[in-house]
């Protein structure tokens, strides 16, 4: 029976880091099901969901201890299970852009949390506006809205929040 493991790793950004991590998984017989990998400052962060038989995961735990020392990585490993299907939610995406300001993600997370809406994925980035060079902030969320919530009301409340925060945002059904 296949089991699941979550692996997070962070280390100095360098060429070959993704190769080292994926090689260790392949050589132990694991299969990467999902991943997020990105440079954050001068560090590189890896988050993986890996499947394998129990002995594969045991080998991975051992192999990643060695890799941690050899590649100077901070690694965390945690066994997990599949997330159950959620037929009672509607999946939406949120995209927002604004002048960079503290608290944008905090306010968005608070808005959705107080309404019982689960955030399934978050991605943020800073960039400079093309013409003005102003520091901008962008956030993309995948949210799971309970089917009992009226989307029209949610959208109206969301747009009011965006107006107060001066966010240019959209809330729309998630397109797979």
N, C-alpha and C. Protein backbone atom coordinates (compact mmCIF):
# COMPACT_ATOMS: atom_id res chain seq x y z
N UNK A 1 0.84 -1.19 0.00
CA UNK A 1 0.00 0.00 0.00
C UNK A 1 0.88 1.25 0.00
N UNK A 2 0.51 2.22 -0.82
CA UNK A 2 1.26 3.47 -0.90
C UNK A 2 0.98 4.34 0.31
N UNK A 3 2.03 4.96 0.80
CA UNK A 3 1.92 5.90 1.91
C UNK A 3 2.44 7.25 1.43
N UNK A 4 2.18 8.28 2.21
CA UNK A 4 2.56 9.64 1.82
C UNK A 4 3.47 10.26 2.86
N UNK A 5 4.36 11.11 2.36
CA UNK A 5 5.27 11.84 3.22
C UNK A 5 5.39 13.27 2.67
N UNK A 6 5.46 14.23 3.58
CA UNK A 6 5.70 15.62 3.19
C UNK A 6 7.14 15.95 3.57
N UNK A 7 7.85 16.52 2.62
CA UNK A 7 9.25 16.90 2.85
C UNK A 7 9.38 18.39 2.60
N UNK A 8 9.95 19.10 3.56
CA UNK A 8 10.29 20.51 3.34
C UNK A 8 11.80 20.64 3.51
N UNK A 9 12.39 21.42 2.64
CA UNK A 9 13.83 21.63 2.69
C UNK A 9 14.12 23.08 2.34
N UNK A 10 15.12 23.63 3.00
CA UNK A 10 15.56 24.99 2.69
C UNK A 10 17.07 25.04 2.82
N UNK A 11 17.67 25.72 1.86
CA UNK A 11 19.12 25.86 1.87
C UNK A 11 19.53 26.99 0.95
N UNK A 12 20.81 27.26 0.93
CA UNK A 12 21.33 28.31 0.06
C UNK A 12 20.98 27.99 -1.39
N UNK A 13 20.50 29.02 -2.11
CA UNK A 13 20.14 28.84 -3.51
C UNK A 13 21.40 28.50 -4.31
N UNK A 14 21.32 27.40 -5.04
CA UNK A 14 22.46 27.00 -5.87
C UNK A 14 21.98 26.10 -7.00
N UNK A 15 22.73 26.08 -8.06
CA UNK A 15 22.44 25.19 -9.18
C UNK A 15 22.58 23.75 -8.69
N UNK A 16 21.63 22.91 -9.04
CA UNK A 16 21.69 21.49 -8.72
C UNK A 16 20.91 21.07 -7.49
N UNK A 17 20.34 22.02 -6.76
CA UNK A 17 19.59 21.66 -5.55
C UNK A 17 18.36 20.82 -5.89
N UNK A 18 17.60 21.22 -6.90
CA UNK A 18 16.42 20.45 -7.31
C UNK A 18 16.86 19.06 -7.79
N UNK A 19 17.96 18.99 -8.50
CA UNK A 19 18.50 17.72 -8.97
C UNK A 19 18.82 16.81 -7.79
N UNK A 20 19.50 17.34 -6.78
CA UNK A 20 19.88 16.53 -5.61
C UNK A 20 18.66 15.97 -4.88
N UNK A 21 17.66 16.82 -4.69
CA UNK A 21 16.46 16.39 -3.97
C UNK A 21 15.68 15.36 -4.78
N UNK A 22 15.46 15.63 -6.06
CA UNK A 22 14.68 14.70 -6.88
C UNK A 22 15.43 13.39 -7.11
N UNK A 23 16.74 13.44 -7.17
CA UNK A 23 17.55 12.22 -7.33
C UNK A 23 17.39 11.32 -6.11
N UNK A 24 17.46 11.90 -4.92
CA UNK A 24 17.32 11.11 -3.69
C UNK A 24 15.95 10.43 -3.66
N UNK A 25 14.92 11.12 -4.08
CA UNK A 25 13.57 10.54 -4.08
C UNK A 25 13.48 9.40 -5.09
N UNK A 26 14.00 9.64 -6.29
CA UNK A 26 13.97 8.60 -7.33
C UNK A 26 14.76 7.37 -6.91
N UNK A 27 15.95 7.57 -6.38
CA UNK A 27 16.80 6.44 -6.00
C UNK A 27 16.21 5.62 -4.86
N UNK A 28 15.37 6.22 -4.04
CA UNK A 28 14.72 5.48 -2.95
C UNK A 28 13.41 4.84 -3.41
N UNK A 29 13.00 5.13 -4.64
CA UNK A 29 11.77 4.54 -5.16
C UNK A 29 10.52 5.36 -4.88
N UNK A 30 10.69 6.63 -4.49
CA UNK A 30 9.55 7.49 -4.22
C UNK A 30 9.04 8.17 -5.48
N UNK A 31 7.85 8.71 -5.39
CA UNK A 31 7.22 9.41 -6.51
C UNK A 31 6.72 10.76 -6.02
N UNK A 32 7.17 11.83 -6.68
CA UNK A 32 6.73 13.18 -6.31
C UNK A 32 5.33 13.40 -6.88
N UNK A 33 4.36 13.60 -5.98
CA UNK A 33 2.97 13.85 -6.39
C UNK A 33 2.68 15.32 -6.57
N UNK A 34 3.19 16.15 -5.66
CA UNK A 34 2.99 17.59 -5.71
C UNK A 34 4.26 18.25 -5.20
N UNK A 35 4.52 19.46 -5.70
CA UNK A 35 5.69 20.18 -5.21
C UNK A 35 5.51 21.67 -5.40
N UNK A 36 6.20 22.41 -4.55
CA UNK A 36 6.36 23.85 -4.66
C UNK A 36 7.83 24.10 -4.37
N UNK A 37 8.49 24.79 -5.27
CA UNK A 37 9.91 25.09 -5.09
C UNK A 37 10.15 26.51 -5.58
N UNK A 38 10.89 27.29 -4.79
CA UNK A 38 11.13 28.67 -5.18
C UNK A 38 12.32 29.26 -4.46
N UNK A 39 12.92 30.25 -5.10
CA UNK A 39 13.98 31.03 -4.45
C UNK A 39 13.30 32.10 -3.60
N UNK A 40 13.74 32.21 -2.36
CA UNK A 40 13.27 33.23 -1.43
C UNK A 40 14.50 33.95 -0.90
N UNK A 41 14.74 35.15 -1.42
CA UNK A 41 15.99 35.82 -1.09
C UNK A 41 17.13 34.98 -1.66
N UNK A 42 18.14 34.74 -0.85
CA UNK A 42 19.27 33.92 -1.31
C UNK A 42 19.11 32.45 -0.91
N UNK A 43 17.94 32.11 -0.41
CA UNK A 43 17.64 30.72 -0.04
C UNK A 43 16.75 30.08 -1.09
N UNK A 44 16.71 28.76 -1.11
CA UNK A 44 15.82 28.02 -2.00
C UNK A 44 14.98 27.10 -1.12
N UNK A 45 13.66 27.17 -1.29
CA UNK A 45 12.74 26.38 -0.47
C UNK A 45 12.05 25.33 -1.32
N UNK A 46 11.92 24.15 -0.75
CA UNK A 46 11.30 23.01 -1.42
C UNK A 46 10.22 22.44 -0.52
N UNK A 47 9.06 22.18 -1.08
CA UNK A 47 7.98 21.53 -0.35
C UNK A 47 7.42 20.45 -1.27
N UNK A 48 7.45 19.20 -0.81
CA UNK A 48 7.09 18.06 -1.64
C UNK A 48 6.10 17.14 -0.95
N UNK A 49 5.20 16.56 -1.73
CA UNK A 49 4.37 15.44 -1.29
C UNK A 49 4.84 14.24 -2.10
N UNK A 50 5.33 13.23 -1.39
CA UNK A 50 5.93 12.07 -2.04
C UNK A 50 5.18 10.82 -1.61
N UNK A 51 4.96 9.92 -2.58
CA UNK A 51 4.31 8.65 -2.26
C UNK A 51 5.32 7.51 -2.40
N UNK A 52 5.04 6.44 -1.69
CA UNK A 52 5.88 5.25 -1.77
C UNK A 52 5.41 4.22 -0.76
N UNK A 53 5.97 3.03 -0.88
CA UNK A 53 5.67 1.99 0.10
C UNK A 53 6.36 2.35 1.41
N UNK A 54 5.98 1.70 2.50
CA UNK A 54 6.53 2.06 3.81
C UNK A 54 8.05 1.99 3.82
N UNK A 55 8.62 0.98 3.14
CA UNK A 55 10.09 0.85 3.16
C UNK A 55 10.75 1.96 2.32
N UNK A 56 10.05 2.43 1.29
CA UNK A 56 10.56 3.56 0.49
C UNK A 56 10.64 4.80 1.36
N UNK A 57 9.60 5.06 2.13
CA UNK A 57 9.58 6.26 2.96
C UNK A 57 10.61 6.17 4.08
N UNK A 58 10.81 4.98 4.60
CA UNK A 58 11.84 4.79 5.63
C UNK A 58 13.22 5.08 5.04
N UNK A 59 13.47 4.60 3.81
CA UNK A 59 14.74 4.90 3.14
C UNK A 59 14.88 6.40 2.88
N UNK A 60 13.79 7.03 2.48
CA UNK A 60 13.82 8.47 2.23
C UNK A 60 14.19 9.25 3.49
N UNK A 61 13.60 8.87 4.60
CA UNK A 61 13.91 9.55 5.86
C UNK A 61 15.40 9.46 6.16
N UNK A 62 15.98 8.30 5.93
CA UNK A 62 17.41 8.10 6.16
C UNK A 62 18.25 8.88 5.14
N UNK A 63 17.86 8.81 3.88
CA UNK A 63 18.61 9.48 2.82
C UNK A 63 18.59 11.00 2.98
N UNK A 64 17.46 11.53 3.42
CA UNK A 64 17.39 12.98 3.58
C UNK A 64 18.19 13.46 4.78
N UNK A 65 18.41 12.62 5.78
CA UNK A 65 19.32 13.00 6.87
C UNK A 65 20.73 13.18 6.32
N UNK A 66 21.14 12.26 5.44
CA UNK A 66 22.47 12.36 4.82
C UNK A 66 22.55 13.60 3.92
N UNK A 67 21.50 13.81 3.11
CA UNK A 67 21.47 14.95 2.20
C UNK A 67 21.51 16.26 2.96
N UNK A 68 20.85 16.29 4.12
CA UNK A 68 20.84 17.49 4.94
C UNK A 68 22.25 17.91 5.32
N UNK A 69 23.05 16.95 5.72
CA UNK A 69 24.43 17.23 6.12
C UNK A 69 25.31 17.55 4.91
N UNK A 70 25.18 16.75 3.84
CA UNK A 70 26.04 16.91 2.67
C UNK A 70 25.75 18.21 1.92
N UNK A 71 24.49 18.59 1.84
CA UNK A 71 24.12 19.77 1.05
C UNK A 71 23.80 21.00 1.90
N UNK A 72 24.02 20.89 3.22
CA UNK A 72 23.73 21.99 4.15
C UNK A 72 22.29 22.49 4.01
N UNK A 73 21.35 21.54 4.10
CA UNK A 73 19.92 21.83 4.01
C UNK A 73 19.26 21.64 5.36
N UNK A 74 18.27 22.44 5.64
CA UNK A 74 17.41 22.22 6.79
C UNK A 74 16.20 21.46 6.25
N UNK A 75 16.02 20.24 6.73
CA UNK A 75 14.98 19.36 6.18
C UNK A 75 14.04 18.91 7.28
N UNK A 76 12.76 18.91 6.96
CA UNK A 76 11.73 18.40 7.86
C UNK A 76 10.91 17.38 7.09
N UNK A 77 10.61 16.28 7.73
CA UNK A 77 9.85 15.20 7.10
C UNK A 77 8.69 14.83 8.00
N UNK A 78 7.53 14.64 7.38
CA UNK A 78 6.34 14.30 8.15
C UNK A 78 5.46 13.35 7.35
N UNK A 79 5.07 12.28 7.97
CA UNK A 79 4.14 11.35 7.32
C UNK A 79 2.76 11.98 7.33
N UNK A 80 1.98 11.68 6.28
CA UNK A 80 0.64 12.25 6.15
C UNK A 80 -0.29 11.26 5.47
N UNK A 81 -1.52 11.66 5.27
CA UNK A 81 -2.51 10.85 4.56
C UNK A 81 -3.14 11.71 3.47
N UNK A 82 -3.87 11.07 2.57
CA UNK A 82 -4.56 11.82 1.53
C UNK A 82 -5.59 12.74 2.14
N UNK A 83 -5.75 13.89 1.51
CA UNK A 83 -6.79 14.82 1.94
C UNK A 83 -8.11 14.29 1.42
N UNK A 84 -9.11 14.16 2.29
CA UNK A 84 -10.39 13.63 1.82
C UNK A 84 -11.06 14.57 0.81
N UNK A 85 -11.84 13.99 -0.10
CA UNK A 85 -12.60 14.78 -1.07
C UNK A 85 -13.55 15.71 -0.32
N UNK A 86 -13.80 16.87 -0.90
CA UNK A 86 -14.66 17.85 -0.23
C UNK A 86 -15.78 18.28 -1.18
N UNK A 87 -16.82 17.48 -1.28
CA UNK A 87 -17.91 17.82 -2.21
C UNK A 87 -18.76 19.00 -1.73
N UNK A 88 -18.57 19.41 -0.49
CA UNK A 88 -19.37 20.49 0.10
C UNK A 88 -18.77 21.88 -0.10
N UNK A 89 -17.73 22.00 -0.94
CA UNK A 89 -17.10 23.29 -1.16
C UNK A 89 -17.01 23.59 -2.66
N UNK A 90 -16.95 24.89 -2.96
CA UNK A 90 -16.72 25.37 -4.31
C UNK A 90 -15.33 26.02 -4.30
N UNK A 91 -14.51 25.68 -5.28
CA UNK A 91 -13.15 26.20 -5.31
C UNK A 91 -13.10 27.45 -6.17
N UNK A 92 -12.53 28.51 -5.59
CA UNK A 92 -12.40 29.80 -6.26
C UNK A 92 -10.94 30.24 -6.22
N UNK A 93 -10.59 31.11 -7.16
CA UNK A 93 -9.27 31.73 -7.12
C UNK A 93 -9.43 33.22 -6.83
N UNK A 94 -8.45 33.75 -6.15
CA UNK A 94 -8.40 35.17 -5.82
C UNK A 94 -7.06 35.69 -6.32
N UNK A 95 -7.10 36.76 -7.09
CA UNK A 95 -5.89 37.45 -7.53
C UNK A 95 -6.03 38.90 -7.11
N UNK A 96 -5.01 39.41 -6.43
CA UNK A 96 -5.04 40.80 -5.97
C UNK A 96 -3.68 41.44 -6.19
N UNK A 97 -3.70 42.72 -6.55
CA UNK A 97 -2.48 43.51 -6.75
C UNK A 97 -2.71 44.87 -6.11
N UNK A 98 -1.66 45.41 -5.50
CA UNK A 98 -1.76 46.73 -4.89
C UNK A 98 -0.36 47.30 -4.70
N UNK A 99 -0.31 48.57 -4.33
CA UNK A 99 0.96 49.13 -3.87
C UNK A 99 1.37 48.31 -2.65
N UNK A 100 2.66 48.02 -2.55
CA UNK A 100 3.13 47.22 -1.43
C UNK A 100 2.80 47.93 -0.12
N UNK A 101 2.17 47.19 0.78
CA UNK A 101 1.79 47.72 2.09
C UNK A 101 1.72 46.57 3.08
N UNK A 102 2.06 46.78 4.31
CA UNK A 102 1.98 45.72 5.31
C UNK A 102 0.54 45.27 5.53
N UNK A 103 0.37 43.98 5.78
CA UNK A 103 -0.92 43.46 6.22
C UNK A 103 -1.88 42.99 5.14
N UNK A 104 -1.48 43.00 3.89
CA UNK A 104 -2.41 42.59 2.82
C UNK A 104 -2.82 41.13 3.01
N UNK A 105 -1.85 40.24 3.11
CA UNK A 105 -2.18 38.82 3.28
C UNK A 105 -2.93 38.59 4.59
N UNK A 106 -2.52 39.25 5.64
CA UNK A 106 -3.19 39.13 6.93
C UNK A 106 -4.68 39.49 6.82
N UNK A 107 -4.96 40.60 6.16
CA UNK A 107 -6.35 41.05 6.03
C UNK A 107 -7.17 40.11 5.14
N UNK A 108 -6.58 39.62 4.07
CA UNK A 108 -7.28 38.67 3.20
C UNK A 108 -7.55 37.36 3.96
N UNK A 109 -6.53 36.87 4.66
CA UNK A 109 -6.70 35.63 5.43
C UNK A 109 -7.77 35.80 6.50
N UNK A 110 -7.79 36.94 7.17
CA UNK A 110 -8.80 37.21 8.18
C UNK A 110 -10.20 37.26 7.58
N UNK A 111 -10.32 37.90 6.42
CA UNK A 111 -11.61 37.99 5.74
C UNK A 111 -12.17 36.60 5.47
N UNK A 112 -11.36 35.73 4.89
CA UNK A 112 -11.85 34.40 4.53
C UNK A 112 -12.03 33.51 5.76
N UNK A 113 -11.12 33.59 6.71
CA UNK A 113 -11.19 32.76 7.91
C UNK A 113 -12.45 33.02 8.71
N UNK A 114 -12.81 34.29 8.87
CA UNK A 114 -14.00 34.62 9.68
C UNK A 114 -15.29 34.14 9.02
N UNK A 115 -15.22 33.79 7.76
CA UNK A 115 -16.39 33.28 7.04
C UNK A 115 -16.35 31.75 6.87
N UNK A 116 -15.36 31.11 7.50
CA UNK A 116 -15.25 29.66 7.43
C UNK A 116 -14.76 29.16 6.08
N UNK A 117 -14.02 30.02 5.38
CA UNK A 117 -13.51 29.68 4.05
C UNK A 117 -12.05 29.26 4.19
N UNK A 118 -11.75 28.07 3.70
CA UNK A 118 -10.42 27.48 3.78
C UNK A 118 -9.53 28.01 2.66
N UNK A 119 -8.31 28.38 3.00
CA UNK A 119 -7.32 28.77 1.99
C UNK A 119 -6.47 27.55 1.69
N UNK A 120 -6.49 27.10 0.43
CA UNK A 120 -5.78 25.90 0.04
C UNK A 120 -4.40 26.15 -0.55
N UNK A 121 -4.18 27.35 -1.06
CA UNK A 121 -2.89 27.65 -1.69
C UNK A 121 -2.68 29.16 -1.66
N UNK A 122 -1.45 29.57 -1.41
CA UNK A 122 -1.10 30.99 -1.35
C UNK A 122 0.21 31.21 -2.10
N UNK A 123 0.24 32.25 -2.90
CA UNK A 123 1.48 32.66 -3.55
C UNK A 123 1.51 34.19 -3.54
N UNK A 124 2.62 34.75 -3.10
CA UNK A 124 2.77 36.21 -3.08
C UNK A 124 4.09 36.58 -3.72
N UNK A 125 4.16 37.81 -4.19
CA UNK A 125 5.43 38.32 -4.73
C UNK A 125 5.42 39.83 -4.73
N UNK A 126 6.60 40.39 -4.67
CA UNK A 126 6.81 41.83 -4.82
C UNK A 126 7.44 42.08 -6.18
N UNK A 127 7.09 43.19 -6.79
CA UNK A 127 7.70 43.57 -8.05
C UNK A 127 7.59 45.08 -8.19
N UNK A 128 8.35 45.64 -9.12
CA UNK A 128 8.28 47.08 -9.39
C UNK A 128 7.38 47.32 -10.59
N UNK A 129 6.48 48.31 -10.46
CA UNK A 129 5.59 48.67 -11.56
C UNK A 129 6.42 49.10 -12.76
N UNK A 130 5.97 48.73 -13.94
CA UNK A 130 6.75 48.97 -15.16
C UNK A 130 7.02 50.45 -15.40
N UNK A 131 6.01 51.28 -15.38
CA UNK A 131 6.19 52.68 -15.75
C UNK A 131 6.66 53.58 -14.61
N UNK A 132 6.21 53.29 -13.39
CA UNK A 132 6.54 54.17 -12.27
C UNK A 132 7.66 53.66 -11.39
N UNK A 133 7.90 52.35 -11.42
CA UNK A 133 8.91 51.76 -10.54
C UNK A 133 8.43 51.58 -9.12
N UNK A 134 7.14 51.88 -8.86
CA UNK A 134 6.59 51.74 -7.50
C UNK A 134 6.63 50.28 -7.06
N UNK A 135 6.86 50.07 -5.78
CA UNK A 135 6.88 48.72 -5.22
C UNK A 135 5.45 48.20 -5.13
N UNK A 136 5.21 47.06 -5.78
CA UNK A 136 3.88 46.46 -5.85
C UNK A 136 3.88 45.12 -5.12
N UNK A 137 2.68 44.69 -4.73
CA UNK A 137 2.49 43.41 -4.06
C UNK A 137 1.38 42.66 -4.79
N UNK A 138 1.62 41.38 -5.09
CA UNK A 138 0.60 40.55 -5.73
C UNK A 138 0.40 39.30 -4.89
N UNK A 139 -0.85 38.88 -4.79
CA UNK A 139 -1.17 37.65 -4.05
C UNK A 139 -2.18 36.84 -4.88
N UNK A 140 -1.94 35.55 -4.92
CA UNK A 140 -2.88 34.62 -5.54
C UNK A 140 -3.25 33.58 -4.48
N UNK A 141 -4.55 33.35 -4.35
CA UNK A 141 -5.07 32.37 -3.39
C UNK A 141 -5.98 31.40 -4.11
N UNK A 142 -6.00 30.19 -3.63
CA UNK A 142 -7.04 29.22 -3.99
C UNK A 142 -7.83 29.02 -2.70
N UNK A 143 -9.13 29.26 -2.78
CA UNK A 143 -9.97 29.16 -1.58
C UNK A 143 -11.06 28.12 -1.82
N UNK A 144 -11.52 27.54 -0.72
CA UNK A 144 -12.59 26.54 -0.76
C UNK A 144 -13.78 27.11 0.01
N UNK A 145 -14.80 27.50 -0.74
CA UNK A 145 -15.96 28.18 -0.18
C UNK A 145 -17.04 27.15 0.13
N UNK A 146 -17.49 27.06 1.38
CA UNK A 146 -18.59 26.14 1.70
C UNK A 146 -19.80 26.45 0.82
N UNK A 147 -20.44 25.40 0.32
CA UNK A 147 -21.54 25.57 -0.62
C UNK A 147 -22.73 26.32 -0.02
N UNK A 148 -22.81 26.42 1.31
CA UNK A 148 -23.90 27.15 1.95
C UNK A 148 -23.74 28.67 1.84
N UNK A 149 -22.54 29.14 1.49
CA UNK A 149 -22.29 30.58 1.38
C UNK A 149 -22.76 31.08 0.01
N UNK A 150 -23.49 32.17 0.02
CA UNK A 150 -23.95 32.77 -1.22
C UNK A 150 -22.79 33.54 -1.86
N UNK A 151 -22.42 33.13 -3.04
CA UNK A 151 -21.26 33.71 -3.72
C UNK A 151 -21.47 35.20 -4.01
N UNK A 152 -22.67 35.59 -4.40
CA UNK A 152 -22.92 37.00 -4.70
C UNK A 152 -22.64 37.88 -3.48
N UNK A 153 -23.11 37.45 -2.31
CA UNK A 153 -22.86 38.20 -1.08
C UNK A 153 -21.37 38.21 -0.73
N UNK A 154 -20.74 37.06 -0.88
CA UNK A 154 -19.31 36.97 -0.60
C UNK A 154 -18.54 37.91 -1.52
N UNK A 155 -18.85 37.90 -2.79
CA UNK A 155 -18.16 38.76 -3.75
C UNK A 155 -18.36 40.23 -3.40
N UNK A 156 -19.55 40.60 -3.00
CA UNK A 156 -19.83 41.99 -2.64
C UNK A 156 -19.01 42.41 -1.42
N UNK A 157 -19.00 41.57 -0.38
CA UNK A 157 -18.20 41.87 0.82
C UNK A 157 -16.71 41.92 0.50
N UNK A 158 -16.28 41.01 -0.36
CA UNK A 158 -14.87 40.97 -0.76
C UNK A 158 -14.48 42.25 -1.49
N UNK A 159 -15.32 42.71 -2.40
CA UNK A 159 -15.02 43.92 -3.15
C UNK A 159 -15.01 45.15 -2.23
N UNK A 160 -15.85 45.17 -1.20
CA UNK A 160 -15.82 46.26 -0.22
C UNK A 160 -14.49 46.28 0.51
N UNK A 161 -14.00 45.10 0.91
CA UNK A 161 -12.69 45.00 1.56
C UNK A 161 -11.61 45.52 0.61
N UNK A 162 -11.66 45.10 -0.63
CA UNK A 162 -10.66 45.53 -1.61
C UNK A 162 -10.69 47.04 -1.80
N UNK A 163 -11.86 47.62 -1.83
CA UNK A 163 -11.96 49.08 -1.95
C UNK A 163 -11.32 49.77 -0.75
N UNK A 164 -11.59 49.27 0.46
CA UNK A 164 -11.00 49.87 1.68
C UNK A 164 -9.48 49.77 1.67
N UNK A 165 -8.96 48.65 1.14
CA UNK A 165 -7.51 48.41 1.15
C UNK A 165 -6.82 48.90 -0.13
N UNK A 166 -7.60 49.41 -1.07
CA UNK A 166 -7.08 49.85 -2.36
C UNK A 166 -6.40 48.71 -3.11
N UNK A 167 -7.09 47.57 -3.15
CA UNK A 167 -6.60 46.39 -3.88
C UNK A 167 -7.34 46.29 -5.20
N UNK A 168 -6.62 45.96 -6.25
CA UNK A 168 -7.24 45.60 -7.52
C UNK A 168 -7.33 44.07 -7.50
N UNK A 169 -8.55 43.54 -7.41
CA UNK A 169 -8.68 42.11 -7.16
C UNK A 169 -9.83 41.50 -7.95
N UNK A 170 -9.76 40.18 -8.06
CA UNK A 170 -10.82 39.41 -8.70
C UNK A 170 -11.03 38.12 -7.91
N UNK A 171 -12.27 37.73 -7.80
CA UNK A 171 -12.69 36.48 -7.15
C UNK A 171 -13.50 35.74 -8.20
N UNK A 172 -12.98 34.59 -8.66
CA UNK A 172 -13.66 33.87 -9.73
C UNK A 172 -13.52 32.36 -9.53
N UNK A 173 -14.42 31.58 -10.16
CA UNK A 173 -14.30 30.13 -10.03
C UNK A 173 -12.92 29.66 -10.50
N UNK A 174 -12.39 28.70 -9.79
CA UNK A 174 -11.07 28.15 -10.11
C UNK A 174 -11.18 27.34 -11.39
N UNK A 175 -10.28 27.60 -12.31
CA UNK A 175 -10.24 26.87 -13.58
C UNK A 175 -9.13 25.85 -13.51
N UNK A 176 -9.46 24.59 -13.55
CA UNK A 176 -8.42 23.55 -13.46
C UNK A 176 -7.70 23.36 -14.77
